[in-house]
């Protein structure tokens, strides 16, 4: 078992995951961590093509040639060049949940149906101001609409993990603010690196000048990062990308 992977064995849950993605013959699906191929089989029967990225060479070898419309990519999903796809369906390895989610958000897709640890899914979908809300929820909430579709018991996996999991659907937001995504990610990282400070001081620490800060909403400036919605955070991007005015 590599990278915290727990293999989903429950056939009913596997079928529901594939159904949530509304797969069609024209779809090209990315699967991260196919493992023993249980979910891969369900995806291959519904989609036109499946790209299965597997880091374990033995597991990858078992998948080669098993399905006519599945292309096995042996390597680390955090580093390999990803192929063109329009949907993502995966039981993600727990230990790379954050990093792979950020990577997937940086590329276009129509729908993602992903399995996470339950506690991780709660943090992913947390609302601004709640105890679970942080950098992860702010970033994902900026890019996507988030739905926790169901809880999956730990007994559905082998080896059995210590916690339950959640099936989550992410769909890109067509109404998200029109700001540069790299600038937004840099802003969020900076805000949460200074999360003990109010937003005004956090922006100053990132290099925003007084003139740029003065143009921003005064109420937002007096709050702390965990109290900002993703769109409120996006309204601050210009202050660090311009860095206007004297410091």
Protein backbone atom coordinates (compact mmCIF):
# COMPACT_ATOMS: atom_id res chain seq x y z
CA UNK A 1 0.00 0.00 0.00
CA UNK A 2 1.53 3.32 -1.10
CA UNK A 3 0.72 6.84 0.03
CA UNK A 4 -2.04 5.87 2.44
CA UNK A 5 -4.19 4.15 -0.16
CA UNK A 6 -7.13 2.09 1.07
CA UNK A 7 -8.91 0.11 -1.63
CA UNK A 8 -12.68 0.47 -1.91
CA UNK A 9 -14.26 -2.99 -2.04
CA UNK A 10 -17.98 -2.18 -1.65
CA UNK A 11 -19.48 -2.75 -5.11
CA UNK A 12 -22.58 -0.67 -4.41
CA UNK A 13 -20.48 2.31 -3.31
CA UNK A 14 -18.28 1.93 -6.39
CA UNK A 15 -21.32 2.00 -8.64
CA UNK A 16 -22.69 5.11 -6.92
CA UNK A 17 -19.38 6.96 -7.32
CA UNK A 18 -19.40 6.31 -11.06
CA UNK A 19 -23.07 7.34 -11.28
CA UNK A 20 -22.42 10.65 -9.49
CA UNK A 21 -20.07 11.64 -12.33
CA UNK A 22 -22.81 11.09 -14.95
CA UNK A 23 -20.35 9.42 -17.29
CA UNK A 24 -21.00 9.19 -21.01
CA UNK A 25 -19.17 7.50 -23.91
CA UNK A 26 -17.60 10.81 -24.95
CA UNK A 27 -16.06 11.43 -21.52
CA UNK A 28 -12.34 11.17 -20.81
CA UNK A 29 -11.86 10.35 -17.13
CA UNK A 30 -8.82 10.79 -14.91
CA UNK A 31 -8.46 8.32 -12.04
CA UNK A 32 -5.75 8.88 -9.43
CA UNK A 33 -4.65 5.79 -7.52
CA UNK A 34 -6.65 3.02 -9.22
CA UNK A 35 -5.03 0.37 -7.01
CA UNK A 36 -6.59 -3.01 -7.69
CA UNK A 37 -8.87 -1.59 -10.40
CA UNK A 38 -12.28 -1.98 -8.72
CA UNK A 39 -13.36 1.58 -9.48
CA UNK A 40 -11.48 1.52 -12.78
CA UNK A 41 -13.72 -1.29 -14.00
CA UNK A 42 -16.86 0.74 -13.26
CA UNK A 43 -15.43 3.80 -15.00
CA UNK A 44 -14.30 1.84 -18.05
CA UNK A 45 -17.79 0.42 -18.53
CA UNK A 46 -19.35 3.90 -18.63
CA UNK A 47 -16.78 6.33 -20.10
CA UNK A 48 -15.10 6.42 -23.47
CA UNK A 49 -11.58 6.55 -22.08
CA UNK A 50 -9.97 6.30 -18.64
CA UNK A 51 -6.51 7.51 -17.66
CA UNK A 52 -5.41 5.61 -14.55
CA UNK A 53 -2.38 7.09 -12.75
CA UNK A 54 -0.75 4.57 -10.41
CA UNK A 55 2.51 5.03 -8.51
CA UNK A 56 2.91 1.40 -7.42
CA UNK A 57 4.64 -0.50 -10.27
CA UNK A 58 3.15 -3.85 -9.24
CA UNK A 59 -0.41 -2.51 -9.17
CA UNK A 60 0.17 -0.67 -12.45
CA UNK A 61 1.42 -3.88 -14.06
CA UNK A 62 -1.77 -5.68 -13.03
CA UNK A 63 -3.87 -3.03 -14.78
CA UNK A 64 -1.97 -2.95 -18.09
CA UNK A 65 -4.13 -4.50 -20.82
CA UNK A 66 -6.96 -5.38 -18.46
CA UNK A 67 -9.42 -2.90 -20.01
CA UNK A 68 -9.37 -1.91 -23.68
CA UNK A 69 -10.23 1.74 -23.01
CA UNK A 70 -7.97 2.31 -19.99
CA UNK A 71 -4.55 3.87 -20.38
CA UNK A 72 -2.35 3.15 -17.36
CA UNK A 73 0.12 5.90 -16.47
CA UNK A 74 2.80 4.65 -14.08
CA UNK A 75 4.07 7.44 -11.87
CA UNK A 76 3.40 9.97 -9.13
CA UNK A 77 0.17 11.90 -9.79
CA UNK A 78 1.75 14.97 -8.19
CA UNK A 79 4.54 15.03 -10.80
CA UNK A 80 3.61 13.19 -14.01
CA UNK A 81 2.32 15.08 -17.00
CA UNK A 82 -1.44 14.69 -16.89
CA UNK A 83 -3.32 13.85 -20.10
CA UNK A 84 -6.35 15.76 -21.44
CA UNK A 85 -9.54 14.82 -19.58
CA UNK A 86 -12.89 16.39 -18.80
CA UNK A 87 -13.90 14.49 -15.65
CA UNK A 88 -12.07 13.20 -12.58
CA UNK A 89 -13.25 10.23 -10.54
CA UNK A 90 -10.94 8.87 -7.84
CA UNK A 91 -10.58 7.26 -4.47
CA UNK A 92 -7.66 9.51 -3.56
CA UNK A 93 -4.70 8.34 -1.48
CA UNK A 94 -5.21 10.05 1.89
CA UNK A 95 -1.69 11.36 2.28
CA UNK A 96 -1.75 13.46 -0.88
CA UNK A 97 -5.32 14.76 -0.55
CA UNK A 98 -4.39 18.44 -0.19
CA UNK A 99 -1.58 18.52 -2.74
CA UNK A 100 -3.43 16.61 -5.44
CA UNK A 101 -6.58 18.68 -4.93
CA UNK A 102 -4.62 21.91 -5.47
CA UNK A 103 -3.03 20.41 -8.58
CA UNK A 104 -6.35 19.28 -10.03
CA UNK A 105 -7.89 22.72 -9.44
CA UNK A 106 -5.15 24.30 -11.56
CA UNK A 107 -6.44 22.51 -14.67
CA UNK A 108 -9.82 22.71 -16.43
CA UNK A 109 -12.43 20.00 -15.82
CA UNK A 110 -16.21 19.66 -15.89
CA UNK A 111 -16.87 17.50 -12.83
CA UNK A 112 -14.79 15.77 -10.18
CA UNK A 113 -16.13 13.02 -7.91
CA UNK A 114 -13.53 12.29 -5.25
CA UNK A 115 -13.24 10.16 -2.15
CA UNK A 116 -11.66 11.84 0.89
CA UNK A 117 -11.38 11.12 4.58
CA UNK A 118 -14.55 12.38 6.27
CA UNK A 119 -12.75 15.00 8.38
CA UNK A 120 -10.90 16.27 5.31
CA UNK A 121 -14.17 16.58 3.39
CA UNK A 122 -15.65 18.61 6.24
CA UNK A 123 -12.71 21.01 6.09
CA UNK A 124 -13.01 21.15 2.31
CA UNK A 125 -16.67 22.21 2.47
CA UNK A 126 -16.43 24.40 5.58
CA UNK A 127 -18.08 27.82 5.59
CA UNK A 128 -16.19 31.01 6.34
CA UNK A 129 -16.04 31.71 10.05
CA UNK A 130 -16.48 28.08 11.09
CA UNK A 131 -13.93 26.17 13.11
CA UNK A 132 -12.98 23.92 10.17
CA UNK A 133 -12.56 26.76 7.65
CA UNK A 134 -9.06 27.48 6.43
CA UNK A 135 -6.84 27.83 3.38
CA UNK A 136 -8.15 24.61 1.82
CA UNK A 137 -11.83 25.63 1.96
CA UNK A 138 -11.07 29.16 0.76
CA UNK A 139 -9.17 27.94 -2.29
CA UNK A 140 -11.57 25.16 -3.23
CA UNK A 141 -14.58 27.39 -2.60
CA UNK A 142 -13.15 29.99 -4.98
CA UNK A 143 -12.76 27.50 -7.81
CA UNK A 144 -15.70 25.15 -7.27
CA UNK A 145 -19.12 24.38 -5.91
CA UNK A 146 -18.70 21.64 -3.30
CA UNK A 147 -21.14 18.89 -2.38
CA UNK A 148 -20.59 16.15 0.19
CA UNK A 149 -22.73 13.46 -1.39
CA UNK A 150 -22.49 10.72 1.21
CA UNK A 151 -20.46 9.17 4.01
CA UNK A 152 -18.82 5.81 3.29
CA UNK A 153 -18.09 3.54 6.23
CA UNK A 154 -14.51 2.51 6.88
CA UNK A 155 -15.60 -1.13 6.64
CA UNK A 156 -16.02 -0.66 2.88
CA UNK A 157 -12.22 -0.51 2.45
CA UNK A 158 -9.31 -2.94 2.60
CA UNK A 159 -7.11 -2.49 4.49
CA UNK A 160 -9.67 -0.82 6.77
CA UNK A 161 -8.75 2.77 7.66
CA UNK A 162 -9.33 4.25 11.09
CA UNK A 163 -11.95 6.74 9.91
CA UNK A 164 -14.94 6.94 7.58
CA UNK A 165 -14.71 8.56 4.17
CA UNK A 166 -16.84 10.91 2.09
CA UNK A 167 -17.76 11.10 -1.57
CA UNK A 168 -17.42 14.72 -2.69
CA UNK A 169 -18.42 16.35 -5.97
CA UNK A 170 -16.61 19.45 -7.22
CA UNK A 171 -17.95 21.49 -10.12
CA UNK A 172 -16.17 24.60 -11.42
CA UNK A 173 -17.89 27.90 -10.64
CA UNK A 174 -18.78 29.85 -13.78
CA UNK A 175 -19.48 32.89 -11.59
CA UNK A 176 -16.18 33.07 -9.74
CA UNK A 177 -14.45 36.47 -9.60
CA UNK A 178 -12.28 37.27 -12.61
CA UNK A 179 -8.89 37.45 -10.94
CA UNK A 180 -5.63 35.78 -11.81
CA UNK A 181 -5.65 32.32 -10.22
CA UNK A 182 -1.94 32.32 -9.38
CA UNK A 183 -2.30 35.71 -7.69
CA UNK A 184 -5.30 34.41 -5.74
CA UNK A 185 -3.41 31.34 -4.54
CA UNK A 186 -0.47 33.53 -3.50
CA UNK A 187 -2.83 35.87 -1.63
CA UNK A 188 -4.52 33.04 0.27
CA UNK A 189 -1.20 31.49 1.24
CA UNK A 190 0.01 34.86 2.50
CA UNK A 191 -3.17 35.55 4.45
CA UNK A 192 -3.06 32.22 6.26
CA UNK A 193 0.67 32.53 6.90
CA UNK A 194 -0.37 35.65 8.82
CA UNK A 195 -3.64 34.26 10.15
CA UNK A 196 -3.16 35.73 13.63
CA UNK A 197 -3.14 39.20 12.09
CA UNK A 198 -6.08 41.16 10.78
CA UNK A 199 -6.31 41.24 7.01
CA UNK A 200 -4.97 44.81 6.81
CA UNK A 201 -1.72 43.85 8.56
CA UNK A 202 -1.49 40.60 6.64
CA UNK A 203 -1.64 42.44 3.31
CA UNK A 204 1.01 44.88 4.47
CA UNK A 205 3.23 41.95 5.41
CA UNK A 206 2.82 40.67 1.85
CA UNK A 207 4.00 43.97 0.42
CA UNK A 208 0.76 45.82 -0.29
CA UNK A 209 1.24 49.57 -0.01
CA UNK A 210 -0.99 51.95 2.01
CA UNK A 211 -2.59 53.39 -1.14
CA UNK A 212 -3.62 49.95 -2.43
CA UNK A 213 -4.93 48.95 1.00
CA UNK A 214 -6.89 52.22 1.35
CA UNK A 215 -8.93 51.32 -1.75
CA UNK A 216 -10.24 48.13 -0.13
CA UNK A 217 -13.40 47.48 1.90
CA UNK A 218 -12.76 48.71 5.45
CA UNK A 219 -14.88 45.96 7.00
CA UNK A 220 -12.89 43.23 5.29
CA UNK A 221 -9.61 44.79 6.38
CA UNK A 222 -10.58 44.55 10.05
CA UNK A 223 -11.40 40.85 9.89
CA UNK A 224 -9.11 37.83 10.13
CA UNK A 225 -8.43 35.49 7.18
CA UNK A 226 -10.69 32.69 8.46
CA UNK A 227 -13.66 35.08 8.43
CA UNK A 228 -13.41 35.90 4.72
CA UNK A 229 -15.43 34.13 2.05
CA UNK A 230 -13.47 33.07 -1.04
CA UNK A 231 -14.97 35.94 -3.05
CA UNK A 232 -14.14 38.49 -0.35
CA UNK A 233 -10.56 37.24 -0.42
CA UNK A 234 -10.55 37.53 -4.22
CA UNK A 235 -11.46 41.21 -3.90
CA UNK A 236 -8.06 41.76 -2.25
CA UNK A 237 -5.93 40.31 -5.05
CA UNK A 238 -5.30 43.66 -6.73
CA UNK A 239 -3.66 45.09 -3.64
CA UNK A 240 -0.77 42.63 -3.78
CA UNK A 241 -0.51 42.27 -7.57
CA UNK A 242 -0.25 46.05 -8.02
CA UNK A 243 1.57 46.86 -4.76
CA UNK A 244 0.74 50.48 -5.51
CA UNK A 245 1.63 53.43 -3.38
CA UNK A 246 4.39 54.02 -0.85
CA UNK A 247 5.13 51.28 1.67
